[in-house]
Amino acid sequence: MPRPGPAPSFPDEHLRVEGDRPALVIRRSARRRKTVSARWDGDRVLLQIPASMGTDRALRHAEELLPRLLRARARQGAGEGDPTSRRRSDGFLAERARRLARGLLGDRVRPVSIRWVTNQRTRWGSTTPARGSVRISHQLWEVPDYVLDYVIHHELCHLIEASHGPRFRRLEARYPHAETARAYLAGYAHGRGQDPEEPFEDSPEESSPSSPEDGSSESALSS
């Protein structure tokens, strides 16, 4: 008796959700009959459904499951009430980003995701405007709040203006402690054995954004 062939595969369906909700990826499986599951896949929500299920029905399931995922991530990001863990959580960054965007940019920008990363050793932060994502270096865990807010604001401005041209500088100047924060970061860079002026100059990568694998442009604030 011949063995059954491999189950057919289906391409993932990528949906960009409006507002501050995470992007959604729908993955169909011929092996699933009735069950629907959802989990975090980085900054996206991966919804796994039977192959026969239509997109509209899948979205209804996503509406039911998403609040649970968001609550679980918020509990995880809260750091169980410990102030140090709380500051190092992605939820902490998201709260500050919302406040800064509302107060300084007129709610013109809202990142799809903002999180700490440990693989940025030559940047304070980076932004991928096409995806609405912001990354902040873990090297800023211990800096004063006004310095962290400056870096977050800098990256939020890149969601509006990718280059470091005059329009970007006008947006950046809305942060009231920009000069003081830049001076602090210059001293911080010097203490780490780096050129204190380098982090604030427009490098080729910053003025001509690089192209990551997904083809989106990325702007960065170097350290």
N, C-alpha and C. Protein backbone atom coordinates (compact mmCIF):
# COMPACT_ATOMS: atom_id res chain seq x y z
N MET A 1 0.85 -1.20 0.00
CA MET A 1 0.00 0.00 0.00
C MET A 1 0.88 1.24 0.00
N PRO A 2 0.72 2.14 -0.94
CA PRO A 2 1.61 3.31 -1.00
C PRO A 2 1.41 4.22 0.20
N ARG A 3 2.52 4.84 0.59
CA ARG A 3 2.45 5.79 1.69
C ARG A 3 1.75 7.07 1.23
N PRO A 4 1.01 7.69 2.14
CA PRO A 4 0.38 8.97 1.76
C PRO A 4 1.45 10.03 1.52
N GLY A 5 1.23 10.86 0.55
CA GLY A 5 2.18 11.92 0.26
C GLY A 5 2.16 13.00 1.31
N PRO A 6 3.09 13.92 1.22
CA PRO A 6 3.13 15.02 2.21
C PRO A 6 1.88 15.89 2.11
N ALA A 7 1.49 16.42 3.24
CA ALA A 7 0.32 17.30 3.26
C ALA A 7 0.61 18.55 2.44
N PRO A 8 -0.38 19.02 1.70
CA PRO A 8 -0.15 20.23 0.89
C PRO A 8 0.16 21.42 1.77
N SER A 9 1.00 22.29 1.26
CA SER A 9 1.36 23.50 2.02
C SER A 9 0.67 24.71 1.40
N PHE A 10 0.44 25.70 2.23
CA PHE A 10 -0.26 26.91 1.80
C PHE A 10 0.58 28.12 2.17
N PRO A 11 0.63 29.12 1.31
CA PRO A 11 1.42 30.32 1.65
C PRO A 11 0.79 31.07 2.81
N ASP A 12 1.64 31.65 3.65
CA ASP A 12 1.14 32.47 4.75
C ASP A 12 0.43 33.71 4.20
N GLU A 13 -0.58 34.13 4.91
CA GLU A 13 -1.31 35.34 4.55
C GLU A 13 -0.94 36.43 5.55
N HIS A 14 -0.30 37.48 5.07
CA HIS A 14 0.18 38.55 5.93
C HIS A 14 -0.80 39.71 5.89
N LEU A 15 -1.28 40.10 7.06
CA LEU A 15 -2.25 41.19 7.16
C LEU A 15 -1.69 42.29 8.04
N ARG A 16 -1.68 43.51 7.54
CA ARG A 16 -1.25 44.67 8.31
C ARG A 16 -2.49 45.28 8.96
N VAL A 17 -2.55 45.26 10.28
CA VAL A 17 -3.71 45.72 11.01
C VAL A 17 -3.57 47.21 11.30
N GLU A 18 -4.66 47.94 11.18
CA GLU A 18 -4.64 49.38 11.44
C GLU A 18 -4.46 49.66 12.93
N GLY A 19 -3.98 50.88 13.23
CA GLY A 19 -3.82 51.28 14.62
C GLY A 19 -2.59 50.68 15.25
N ASP A 20 -2.66 50.48 16.55
CA ASP A 20 -1.49 50.00 17.28
C ASP A 20 -1.53 48.50 17.52
N ARG A 21 -2.36 47.79 16.80
CA ARG A 21 -2.41 46.34 16.96
C ARG A 21 -1.27 45.69 16.20
N PRO A 22 -0.83 44.52 16.65
CA PRO A 22 0.28 43.85 15.96
C PRO A 22 -0.15 43.31 14.61
N ALA A 23 0.82 43.17 13.71
CA ALA A 23 0.56 42.56 12.41
C ALA A 23 0.13 41.11 12.62
N LEU A 24 -0.66 40.61 11.67
CA LEU A 24 -1.23 39.26 11.79
C LEU A 24 -0.76 38.41 10.62
N VAL A 25 -0.34 37.19 10.92
CA VAL A 25 0.02 36.21 9.90
C VAL A 25 -0.92 35.02 10.04
N ILE A 26 -1.63 34.69 8.97
CA ILE A 26 -2.53 33.54 8.97
C ILE A 26 -1.82 32.38 8.29
N ARG A 27 -1.73 31.28 9.00
CA ARG A 27 -1.06 30.08 8.46
C ARG A 27 -2.06 28.93 8.43
N ARG A 28 -2.32 28.42 7.24
CA ARG A 28 -3.27 27.32 7.06
C ARG A 28 -2.56 25.98 7.04
N SER A 29 -3.23 24.98 7.58
CA SER A 29 -2.66 23.64 7.64
C SER A 29 -3.72 22.62 7.24
N ALA A 30 -3.34 21.70 6.35
CA ALA A 30 -4.25 20.63 5.94
C ALA A 30 -4.47 19.63 7.05
N ARG A 31 -3.56 19.58 8.02
CA ARG A 31 -3.68 18.63 9.11
C ARG A 31 -4.68 19.09 10.17
N ARG A 32 -4.93 20.38 10.22
CA ARG A 32 -5.91 20.89 11.18
C ARG A 32 -7.32 20.68 10.63
N ARG A 33 -8.20 20.27 11.51
CA ARG A 33 -9.58 20.06 11.10
C ARG A 33 -10.51 21.13 11.67
N LYS A 34 -10.40 21.39 12.98
CA LYS A 34 -11.30 22.34 13.62
C LYS A 34 -10.57 23.37 14.48
N THR A 35 -9.42 23.00 15.01
CA THR A 35 -8.79 23.85 16.02
C THR A 35 -8.14 25.10 15.39
N VAL A 36 -8.18 26.16 16.16
CA VAL A 36 -7.52 27.42 15.81
C VAL A 36 -6.65 27.83 16.98
N SER A 37 -5.42 28.22 16.71
CA SER A 37 -4.52 28.65 17.79
C SER A 37 -3.81 29.93 17.36
N ALA A 38 -3.35 30.68 18.36
CA ALA A 38 -2.63 31.92 18.10
C ALA A 38 -1.48 32.03 19.07
N ARG A 39 -0.36 32.56 18.60
CA ARG A 39 0.81 32.78 19.45
C ARG A 39 1.61 33.94 18.89
N TRP A 40 2.49 34.47 19.75
CA TRP A 40 3.39 35.53 19.30
C TRP A 40 4.50 34.94 18.44
N ASP A 41 4.81 35.61 17.36
CA ASP A 41 5.95 35.27 16.51
C ASP A 41 6.75 36.56 16.33
N GLY A 42 7.63 36.82 17.29
CA GLY A 42 8.31 38.11 17.33
C GLY A 42 7.31 39.19 17.69
N ASP A 43 7.15 40.19 16.81
CA ASP A 43 6.20 41.27 17.03
C ASP A 43 4.86 41.00 16.36
N ARG A 44 4.75 39.87 15.68
CA ARG A 44 3.52 39.55 14.97
C ARG A 44 2.73 38.48 15.74
N VAL A 45 1.47 38.37 15.39
CA VAL A 45 0.64 37.28 15.91
C VAL A 45 0.47 36.25 14.80
N LEU A 46 0.82 35.01 15.10
CA LEU A 46 0.68 33.91 14.15
C LEU A 46 -0.60 33.17 14.48
N LEU A 47 -1.55 33.19 13.55
CA LEU A 47 -2.84 32.51 13.71
C LEU A 47 -2.81 31.25 12.85
N GLN A 48 -2.93 30.09 13.47
CA GLN A 48 -2.88 28.82 12.77
C GLN A 48 -4.29 28.25 12.67
N ILE A 49 -4.73 27.99 11.44
CA ILE A 49 -6.13 27.62 11.19
C ILE A 49 -6.20 26.43 10.22
N PRO A 50 -7.37 25.76 10.14
CA PRO A 50 -7.55 24.72 9.13
C PRO A 50 -7.49 25.30 7.73
N ALA A 51 -7.06 24.49 6.77
CA ALA A 51 -6.90 24.97 5.40
C ALA A 51 -8.21 25.42 4.79
N SER A 52 -9.31 24.84 5.23
CA SER A 52 -10.61 25.16 4.64
C SER A 52 -11.22 26.45 5.17
N MET A 53 -10.62 27.06 6.17
CA MET A 53 -11.22 28.23 6.81
C MET A 53 -10.92 29.50 6.01
N GLY A 54 -11.94 30.30 5.80
CA GLY A 54 -11.78 31.55 5.07
C GLY A 54 -11.16 32.64 5.93
N THR A 55 -10.70 33.70 5.27
CA THR A 55 -10.03 34.79 5.99
C THR A 55 -10.97 35.51 6.95
N ASP A 56 -12.21 35.76 6.53
CA ASP A 56 -13.14 36.48 7.40
C ASP A 56 -13.38 35.74 8.70
N ARG A 57 -13.57 34.43 8.61
CA ARG A 57 -13.78 33.65 9.83
C ARG A 57 -12.51 33.63 10.68
N ALA A 58 -11.36 33.53 10.01
CA ALA A 58 -10.09 33.55 10.75
C ALA A 58 -9.93 34.85 11.52
N LEU A 59 -10.33 35.96 10.91
CA LEU A 59 -10.21 37.26 11.58
C LEU A 59 -11.13 37.33 12.80
N ARG A 60 -12.27 36.68 12.74
CA ARG A 60 -13.15 36.66 13.91
C ARG A 60 -12.50 35.91 15.06
N HIS A 61 -11.82 34.80 14.72
CA HIS A 61 -11.07 34.07 15.76
C HIS A 61 -9.95 34.94 16.31
N ALA A 62 -9.27 35.68 15.43
CA ALA A 62 -8.18 36.54 15.89
C ALA A 62 -8.70 37.60 16.86
N GLU A 63 -9.88 38.15 16.59
CA GLU A 63 -10.46 39.15 17.49
C GLU A 63 -10.71 38.57 18.87
N GLU A 64 -11.05 37.28 18.94
CA GLU A 64 -11.29 36.64 20.23
C GLU A 64 -10.00 36.33 20.97
N LEU A 65 -8.96 35.92 20.22
CA LEU A 65 -7.73 35.45 20.84
C LEU A 65 -6.74 36.57 21.15
N LEU A 66 -6.78 37.66 20.37
CA LEU A 66 -5.78 38.71 20.52
C LEU A 66 -5.76 39.35 21.91
N PRO A 67 -6.92 39.66 22.52
CA PRO A 67 -6.86 40.26 23.86
C PRO A 67 -6.12 39.40 24.87
N ARG A 68 -6.25 38.09 24.78
CA ARG A 68 -5.54 37.20 25.71
C ARG A 68 -4.03 37.30 25.49
N LEU A 69 -3.63 37.32 24.22
CA LEU A 69 -2.20 37.42 23.93
C LEU A 69 -1.63 38.74 24.43
N LEU A 70 -2.37 39.82 24.23
CA LEU A 70 -1.89 41.13 24.68
C LEU A 70 -1.79 41.19 26.20
N ARG A 71 -2.77 40.61 26.89
CA ARG A 71 -2.71 40.61 28.35
C ARG A 71 -1.53 39.79 28.85
N ALA A 72 -1.29 38.64 28.20
CA ALA A 72 -0.17 37.79 28.61
C ALA A 72 1.16 38.50 28.40
N ARG A 73 1.30 39.21 27.27
CA ARG A 73 2.55 39.92 27.01
C ARG A 73 2.72 41.09 27.98
N ALA A 74 1.62 41.75 28.31
CA ALA A 74 1.69 42.87 29.26
C ALA A 74 2.13 42.38 30.63
N ARG A 75 1.61 41.23 31.06
CA ARG A 75 2.02 40.68 32.35
C ARG A 75 3.49 40.31 32.33
N GLN A 76 3.92 39.73 31.21
CA GLN A 76 5.32 39.35 31.09
C GLN A 76 6.22 40.57 31.08
N GLY A 77 5.77 41.63 30.37
CA GLY A 77 6.58 42.84 30.26
C GLY A 77 6.60 43.67 31.52
N ALA A 78 5.62 43.46 32.40
CA ALA A 78 5.54 44.27 33.60
C ALA A 78 6.63 43.95 34.60
N GLY A 79 7.29 42.82 34.47
CA GLY A 79 8.40 42.48 35.34
C GLY A 79 7.99 42.19 36.76
N GLU A 80 6.74 41.73 36.96
CA GLU A 80 6.26 41.32 38.29
C GLU A 80 6.45 42.42 39.33
N GLY A 81 6.41 43.68 38.92
CA GLY A 81 6.46 44.77 39.89
C GLY A 81 7.85 45.22 40.28
N ASP A 82 8.90 44.53 39.87
CA ASP A 82 10.26 44.94 40.20
C ASP A 82 10.63 46.14 39.34
N PRO A 83 11.07 47.27 39.94
CA PRO A 83 11.33 48.48 39.15
C PRO A 83 12.38 48.28 38.06
N THR A 84 13.45 47.54 38.36
CA THR A 84 14.49 47.33 37.36
C THR A 84 13.96 46.51 36.20
N SER A 85 13.26 45.42 36.51
CA SER A 85 12.69 44.59 35.45
C SER A 85 11.65 45.37 34.66
N ARG A 86 10.88 46.18 35.36
CA ARG A 86 9.85 46.98 34.70
C ARG A 86 10.48 47.92 33.68
N ARG A 87 11.56 48.60 34.05
CA ARG A 87 12.20 49.53 33.12
C ARG A 87 12.75 48.79 31.91
N ARG A 88 13.17 47.57 32.09
CA ARG A 88 13.77 46.81 31.00
C ARG A 88 12.73 46.04 30.19
N SER A 89 11.47 46.33 30.40
CA SER A 89 10.41 45.64 29.67
C SER A 89 10.02 46.43 28.43
N ASP A 90 9.50 45.73 27.43
CA ASP A 90 9.02 46.40 26.22
C ASP A 90 7.79 47.25 26.52
N GLY A 91 7.00 46.82 27.51
CA GLY A 91 5.83 47.61 27.88
C GLY A 91 6.20 48.99 28.38
N PHE A 92 7.31 49.08 29.10
CA PHE A 92 7.81 50.37 29.59
C PHE A 92 8.11 51.30 28.42
N LEU A 93 8.79 50.75 27.39
CA LEU A 93 9.10 51.55 26.21
C LEU A 93 7.82 51.99 25.50
N ALA A 94 6.86 51.08 25.38
CA ALA A 94 5.62 51.40 24.67
C ALA A 94 4.87 52.53 25.35
N GLU A 95 4.84 52.52 26.68
CA GLU A 95 4.16 53.59 27.41
C GLU A 95 4.82 54.94 27.15
N ARG A 96 6.15 54.97 27.20
CA ARG A 96 6.86 56.23 27.00
C ARG A 96 6.70 56.71 25.56
N ALA A 97 6.72 55.77 24.61
CA ALA A 97 6.56 56.14 23.21
C ALA A 97 5.18 56.75 22.96
N ARG A 98 4.15 56.17 23.55
CA ARG A 98 2.80 56.73 23.38
C ARG A 98 2.71 58.14 23.96
N ARG A 99 3.31 58.33 25.13
CA ARG A 99 3.26 59.65 25.77
C ARG A 99 4.02 60.68 24.94
N LEU A 100 5.19 60.31 24.44
CA LEU A 100 5.99 61.25 23.65
C LEU A 100 5.31 61.57 22.33
N ALA A 101 4.76 60.56 21.67
CA ALA A 101 4.08 60.80 20.40
C ALA A 101 2.89 61.72 20.57
N ARG A 102 2.14 61.50 21.63
CA ARG A 102 0.96 62.32 21.88
C ARG A 102 1.34 63.75 22.25
N GLY A 103 2.37 63.91 23.06
CA GLY A 103 2.72 65.23 23.56
C GLY A 103 3.54 66.07 22.61
N LEU A 104 4.39 65.43 21.79
CA LEU A 104 5.33 66.19 20.96
C LEU A 104 5.07 66.09 19.47
N LEU A 105 4.39 65.05 19.04
CA LEU A 105 4.18 64.85 17.60
C LEU A 105 2.70 64.87 17.24
N GLY A 106 1.87 65.28 18.18
CA GLY A 106 0.45 65.41 17.89
C GLY A 106 -0.22 64.10 17.51
N ASP A 107 0.29 63.00 18.03
CA ASP A 107 -0.27 61.67 17.72
C ASP A 107 -0.19 61.37 16.23
N ARG A 108 0.77 62.01 15.54
CA ARG A 108 0.91 61.76 14.10
C ARG A 108 1.54 60.42 13.82
N VAL A 109 2.16 59.84 14.83
CA VAL A 109 2.89 58.59 14.61
C VAL A 109 2.60 57.65 15.77
N ARG A 110 2.49 56.39 15.45
CA ARG A 110 2.28 55.38 16.48
C ARG A 110 3.01 54.12 16.03
N PRO A 111 4.10 53.75 16.69
CA PRO A 111 4.86 52.58 16.24
C PRO A 111 4.05 51.31 16.37
N VAL A 112 4.19 50.43 15.39
CA VAL A 112 3.56 49.11 15.48
C VAL A 112 4.20 48.31 16.61
N SER A 113 5.51 48.47 16.76
CA SER A 113 6.21 47.79 17.84
C SER A 113 7.42 48.62 18.27
N ILE A 114 7.74 48.54 19.55
CA ILE A 114 8.96 49.14 20.08
C ILE A 114 9.47 48.20 21.16
N ARG A 115 10.74 47.85 21.07
CA ARG A 115 11.26 46.88 22.04
C ARG A 115 12.76 47.06 22.23
N TRP A 116 13.23 46.54 23.36
CA TRP A 116 14.66 46.49 23.65
C TRP A 116 15.30 45.39 22.81
N VAL A 117 16.53 45.62 22.38
CA VAL A 117 17.30 44.59 21.68
C VAL A 117 18.72 44.59 22.24
N THR A 118 19.37 43.45 22.15
CA THR A 118 20.74 43.31 22.68
C THR A 118 21.77 43.18 21.57
N ASN A 119 21.36 43.31 20.32
CA ASN A 119 22.31 43.13 19.21
C ASN A 119 22.69 44.45 18.55
N GLN A 120 22.41 45.58 19.19
CA GLN A 120 22.79 46.89 18.66
C GLN A 120 23.88 47.47 19.54
N ARG A 121 25.12 47.22 19.19
CA ARG A 121 26.24 47.69 20.01
C ARG A 121 26.86 48.96 19.47
N THR A 122 26.47 49.38 18.28
CA THR A 122 26.99 50.63 17.72
C THR A 122 25.87 51.63 17.47
N ARG A 123 24.70 51.37 17.99
CA ARG A 123 23.57 52.27 17.82
C ARG A 123 22.83 52.41 19.15
N TRP A 124 22.27 53.58 19.37
CA TRP A 124 21.38 53.75 20.51
C TRP A 124 20.00 53.20 20.16
N GLY A 125 19.60 53.36 18.91
CA GLY A 125 18.29 52.89 18.49
C GLY A 125 18.23 52.80 16.98
N SER A 126 17.18 52.19 16.47
CA SER A 126 16.98 52.09 15.03
C SER A 126 15.49 52.01 14.74
N THR A 127 15.14 52.38 13.52
CA THR A 127 13.74 52.42 13.10
C THR A 127 13.61 51.83 11.71
N THR A 128 12.57 51.05 11.49
CA THR A 128 12.22 50.57 10.16
C THR A 128 10.88 51.20 9.80
N PRO A 129 10.88 52.34 9.11
CA PRO A 129 9.62 53.07 8.87
C PRO A 129 8.56 52.25 8.15
N ALA A 130 8.96 51.42 7.18
CA ALA A 130 7.97 50.66 6.42
C ALA A 130 7.19 49.69 7.29
N ARG A 131 7.82 49.22 8.36
CA ARG A 131 7.15 48.29 9.26
C ARG A 131 6.64 48.96 10.53
N GLY A 132 7.00 50.22 10.72
CA GLY A 132 6.57 50.92 11.93
C GLY A 132 7.20 50.38 13.19
N SER A 133 8.42 49.85 13.08
CA SER A 133 9.06 49.22 14.23
C SER A 133 10.24 50.06 14.72
N VAL A 134 10.41 50.08 16.04
CA VAL A 134 11.50 50.81 16.69
C VAL A 134 12.24 49.84 17.59
N ARG A 135 13.58 49.92 17.56
CA ARG A 135 14.42 49.10 18.42
C ARG A 135 15.31 50.02 19.25
N ILE A 136 15.40 49.74 20.54
CA ILE A 136 16.22 50.53 21.44
C ILE A 136 17.29 49.63 22.05
N SER A 137 18.54 50.08 22.02
CA SER A 137 19.65 49.27 22.51
C SER A 137 19.58 49.07 24.02
N HIS A 138 19.89 47.86 24.46
CA HIS A 138 19.91 47.56 25.90
C HIS A 138 21.00 48.36 26.62
N GLN A 139 21.91 48.97 25.87
CA GLN A 139 22.94 49.80 26.49
C GLN A 139 22.35 51.02 27.19
N LEU A 140 21.08 51.31 26.92
CA LEU A 140 20.41 52.46 27.54
C LEU A 140 19.56 52.07 28.74
N TRP A 141 19.70 50.85 29.21
CA TRP A 141 18.92 50.42 30.38
C TRP A 141 19.12 51.34 31.58
N GLU A 142 20.35 51.82 31.77
CA GLU A 142 20.68 52.55 33.00
C GLU A 142 20.73 54.06 32.84
N VAL A 143 20.45 54.59 31.66
CA VAL A 143 20.55 56.04 31.48
C VAL A 143 19.34 56.73 32.12
N PRO A 144 19.45 58.03 32.43
CA PRO A 144 18.29 58.74 32.99
C PRO A 144 17.10 58.73 32.04
N ASP A 145 15.92 58.89 32.60
CA ASP A 145 14.70 58.84 31.79
C ASP A 145 14.70 59.87 30.67
N TYR A 146 15.20 61.08 30.95
CA TYR A 146 15.15 62.12 29.92
C TYR A 146 16.04 61.77 28.73
N VAL A 147 17.11 60.99 28.98
CA VAL A 147 17.98 60.56 27.88
C VAL A 147 17.29 59.47 27.07
N LEU A 148 16.71 58.51 27.76
CA LEU A 148 15.96 57.46 27.06
C LEU A 148 14.82 58.06 26.25
N ASP A 149 14.12 59.02 26.83
CA ASP A 149 13.01 59.66 26.10
C ASP A 149 13.51 60.36 24.84
N TYR A 150 14.70 60.96 24.93
CA TYR A 150 15.25 61.62 23.74
C TYR A 150 15.48 60.61 22.62
N VAL A 151 16.07 59.47 22.95
CA VAL A 151 16.35 58.46 21.93
C VAL A 151 15.03 57.93 21.35
N ILE A 152 14.05 57.67 22.21
CA ILE A 152 12.75 57.21 21.71
C ILE A 152 12.14 58.26 20.78
N HIS A 153 12.17 59.53 21.21
CA HIS A 153 11.61 60.60 20.38
C HIS A 153 12.35 60.69 19.05
N HIS A 154 13.67 60.58 19.08
CA HIS A 154 14.48 60.61 17.86
C HIS A 154 14.00 59.54 16.89
N GLU A 155 13.79 58.33 17.40
CA GLU A 155 13.37 57.23 16.53
C GLU A 155 11.92 57.41 16.06
N LEU A 156 11.06 57.95 16.90
CA LEU A 156 9.69 58.22 16.47
C LEU A 156 9.67 59.24 15.33
N CYS A 157 10.56 60.22 15.40
CA CYS A 157 10.65 61.21 14.31
C CYS A 157 11.01 60.54 13.00
N HIS A 158 11.81 59.46 13.07
CA HIS A 158 12.18 58.75 11.85
C HIS A 158 11.00 58.02 11.23
N LEU A 159 9.95 57.76 11.98
CA LEU A 159 8.76 57.17 11.38
C LEU A 159 8.02 58.18 10.51
N ILE A 160 8.30 59.46 10.73
CA ILE A 160 7.72 60.53 9.91
C ILE A 160 8.68 60.95 8.81
N GLU A 161 9.96 61.07 9.16
CA GLU A 161 10.99 61.54 8.22
C GLU A 161 12.20 60.64 8.35
N ALA A 162 12.51 59.86 7.30
CA ALA A 162 13.57 58.86 7.39
C ALA A 162 14.96 59.48 7.46
N SER A 163 15.19 60.59 6.76
CA SER A 163 16.52 61.18 6.71
C SER A 163 16.74 62.11 7.89
N HIS A 164 17.96 62.66 7.99
CA HIS A 164 18.28 63.63 9.02
C HIS A 164 18.28 65.05 8.44
N GLY A 165 17.36 65.31 7.55
CA GLY A 165 17.28 66.61 6.91
C GLY A 165 16.62 67.65 7.80
N PRO A 166 16.38 68.85 7.25
CA PRO A 166 15.80 69.95 8.04
C PRO A 166 14.46 69.61 8.67
N ARG A 167 13.60 68.91 7.94
CA ARG A 167 12.29 68.56 8.51
C ARG A 167 12.46 67.66 9.72
N PHE A 168 13.37 66.69 9.62
CA PHE A 168 13.60 65.82 10.76
C PHE A 168 14.12 66.62 11.95
N ARG A 169 15.06 67.53 11.72
CA ARG A 169 15.64 68.30 12.82
C ARG A 169 14.60 69.18 13.50
N ARG A 170 13.65 69.68 12.72
CA ARG A 170 12.58 70.48 13.34
C ARG A 170 11.71 69.61 14.25
N LEU A 171 11.42 68.41 13.81
CA LEU A 171 10.63 67.49 14.64
C LEU A 171 11.41 67.11 15.89
N GLU A 172 12.69 66.79 15.72
CA GLU A 172 13.52 66.37 16.84
C GLU A 172 13.63 67.48 17.89
N ALA A 173 13.69 68.74 17.41
CA ALA A 173 13.87 69.88 18.32
C ALA A 173 12.66 70.11 19.23
N ARG A 174 11.56 69.43 18.98
CA ARG A 174 10.40 69.58 19.86
C ARG A 174 10.66 68.96 21.24
N TYR A 175 11.62 68.06 21.32
CA TYR A 175 11.92 67.48 22.62
C TYR A 175 12.70 68.51 23.44
N PRO A 176 12.22 68.92 24.60
CA PRO A 176 12.81 70.06 25.30
C PRO A 176 14.20 69.82 25.87
N HIS A 177 14.59 68.57 26.07
CA HIS A 177 15.89 68.29 26.68
C HIS A 177 16.86 67.66 25.68
N ALA A 178 16.65 67.95 24.39
CA ALA A 178 17.45 67.30 23.35
C ALA A 178 18.94 67.59 23.52
N GLU A 179 19.30 68.86 23.69
CA GLU A 179 20.72 69.21 23.77
C GLU A 179 21.38 68.58 24.99
N THR A 180 20.70 68.61 26.13
CA THR A 180 21.25 68.01 27.34
C THR A 180 21.41 66.51 27.17
N ALA A 181 20.42 65.87 26.56
CA ALA A 181 20.49 64.43 26.35
C ALA A 181 21.61 64.06 25.39
N ARG A 182 21.78 64.86 24.34
CA ARG A 182 22.86 64.59 23.40
C ARG A 182 24.22 64.73 24.08
N ALA A 183 24.35 65.71 24.95
CA ALA A 183 25.61 65.88 25.68
C ALA A 183 25.86 64.68 26.60
N TYR A 184 24.82 64.21 27.25
CA TYR A 184 24.96 63.03 28.12
C TYR A 184 25.42 61.83 27.29
N LEU A 185 24.78 61.60 26.15
CA LEU A 185 25.14 60.46 25.32
C LEU A 185 26.56 60.58 24.77
N ALA A 186 26.99 61.82 24.49
CA ALA A 186 28.37 62.02 24.04
C ALA A 186 29.34 61.60 25.12
N GLY A 187 29.07 62.00 26.38
CA GLY A 187 29.92 61.58 27.49
C GLY A 187 29.86 60.08 27.72
N TYR A 188 28.68 59.52 27.55
CA TYR A 188 28.51 58.07 27.72
C TYR A 188 29.31 57.32 26.67
N ALA A 189 29.26 57.81 25.42
CA ALA A 189 30.03 57.18 24.35
C ALA A 189 31.53 57.28 24.63
N HIS A 190 31.96 58.45 25.11
CA HIS A 190 33.38 58.64 25.44
C HIS A 190 33.81 57.66 26.53
N GLY A 191 32.95 57.48 27.53
CA GLY A 191 33.27 56.55 28.61
C GLY A 191 33.36 55.11 28.14
N ARG A 192 32.74 54.82 27.02
CA ARG A 192 32.79 53.47 26.47
C ARG A 192 33.90 53.34 25.43
N GLY A 193 34.75 54.37 25.34
CA GLY A 193 35.89 54.30 24.44
C GLY A 193 35.56 54.62 23.00
N GLN A 194 34.46 55.34 22.77
CA GLN A 194 34.07 55.69 21.41
C GLN A 194 34.20 57.19 21.21
N ASP A 195 34.26 57.59 19.96
CA ASP A 195 34.33 59.01 19.63
C ASP A 195 33.05 59.68 20.10
N PRO A 196 33.12 60.65 21.01
CA PRO A 196 31.89 61.27 21.53
C PRO A 196 31.10 62.04 20.49
N GLU A 197 31.73 62.42 19.38
CA GLU A 197 30.99 63.15 18.35
C GLU A 197 30.31 62.20 17.37
N GLU A 198 30.86 61.01 17.21
CA GLU A 198 30.39 60.10 16.17
C GLU A 198 28.91 59.74 16.26
N PRO A 199 28.36 59.52 17.46
CA PRO A 199 26.97 59.09 17.51
C PRO A 199 25.98 60.07 16.93
N PHE A 200 26.37 61.34 16.78
CA PHE A 200 25.40 62.35 16.39
C PHE A 200 25.65 62.90 15.00
N GLU A 201 26.62 62.33 14.29
CA GLU A 201 26.85 62.74 12.92
C GLU A 201 26.03 61.87 11.99
N ASP A 202 25.61 62.43 10.85
CA ASP A 202 24.86 61.66 9.88
C ASP A 202 25.81 60.73 9.14
N SER A 203 25.81 59.48 9.51
CA SER A 203 26.63 58.49 8.83
C SER A 203 25.97 58.14 7.51
N PRO A 204 26.72 57.50 6.55
CA PRO A 204 26.10 57.11 5.29
C PRO A 204 24.87 56.23 5.51
N GLU A 205 24.91 55.40 6.55
CA GLU A 205 23.77 54.52 6.79
C GLU A 205 22.54 55.31 7.18
N GLU A 206 22.76 56.41 7.91
CA GLU A 206 21.63 57.19 8.39
C GLU A 206 21.05 58.09 7.29
N SER A 207 21.94 58.74 6.51
CA SER A 207 21.44 59.64 5.50
C SER A 207 20.95 58.89 4.27
N SER A 208 21.47 57.68 4.04
CA SER A 208 20.99 56.81 2.98
C SER A 208 20.61 55.49 3.61
N PRO A 209 19.36 55.39 4.09
CA PRO A 209 18.97 54.24 4.90
C PRO A 209 19.29 52.92 4.23
N SER A 210 19.70 51.96 5.06
CA SER A 210 20.05 50.64 4.56
C SER A 210 18.80 49.88 4.22
N SER A 211 18.96 48.74 3.56
CA SER A 211 17.82 47.91 3.17
C SER A 211 17.96 46.54 3.79
N PRO A 212 17.21 46.25 4.86
CA PRO A 212 17.22 44.93 5.45
C PRO A 212 16.63 43.92 4.49
N GLU A 213 16.59 42.67 4.91
CA GLU A 213 16.16 41.60 4.04
C GLU A 213 14.74 41.78 3.56
N ASP A 214 13.87 42.41 4.34
CA ASP A 214 12.49 42.55 3.93
C ASP A 214 12.27 43.72 2.97
N GLY A 215 13.38 44.41 2.64
CA GLY A 215 13.29 45.49 1.67
C GLY A 215 12.87 46.82 2.24
N SER A 216 12.66 46.90 3.52
CA SER A 216 12.24 48.16 4.13
C SER A 216 13.45 48.99 4.49
N SER A 217 13.25 50.30 4.59
CA SER A 217 14.35 51.19 4.93
C SER A 217 14.50 51.29 6.43
N GLU A 218 15.73 51.43 6.89
CA GLU A 218 15.98 51.53 8.32
C GLU A 218 16.84 52.73 8.61
N SER A 219 16.46 53.50 9.61
CA SER A 219 17.24 54.63 10.08
C SER A 219 17.76 54.30 11.46
N ALA A 220 18.91 54.85 11.80
CA ALA A 220 19.52 54.48 13.07
C ALA A 220 20.17 55.67 13.73
N LEU A 221 20.17 55.67 15.05
CA LEU A 221 20.93 56.61 15.87
C LEU A 221 22.10 55.84 16.42
N SER A 222 23.30 56.14 15.92
CA SER A 222 24.47 55.35 16.28
C SER A 222 25.01 55.73 17.63
N SER A 223 25.78 54.79 18.21
CA SER A 223 26.43 55.07 19.49
C SER A 223 27.91 55.17 19.29
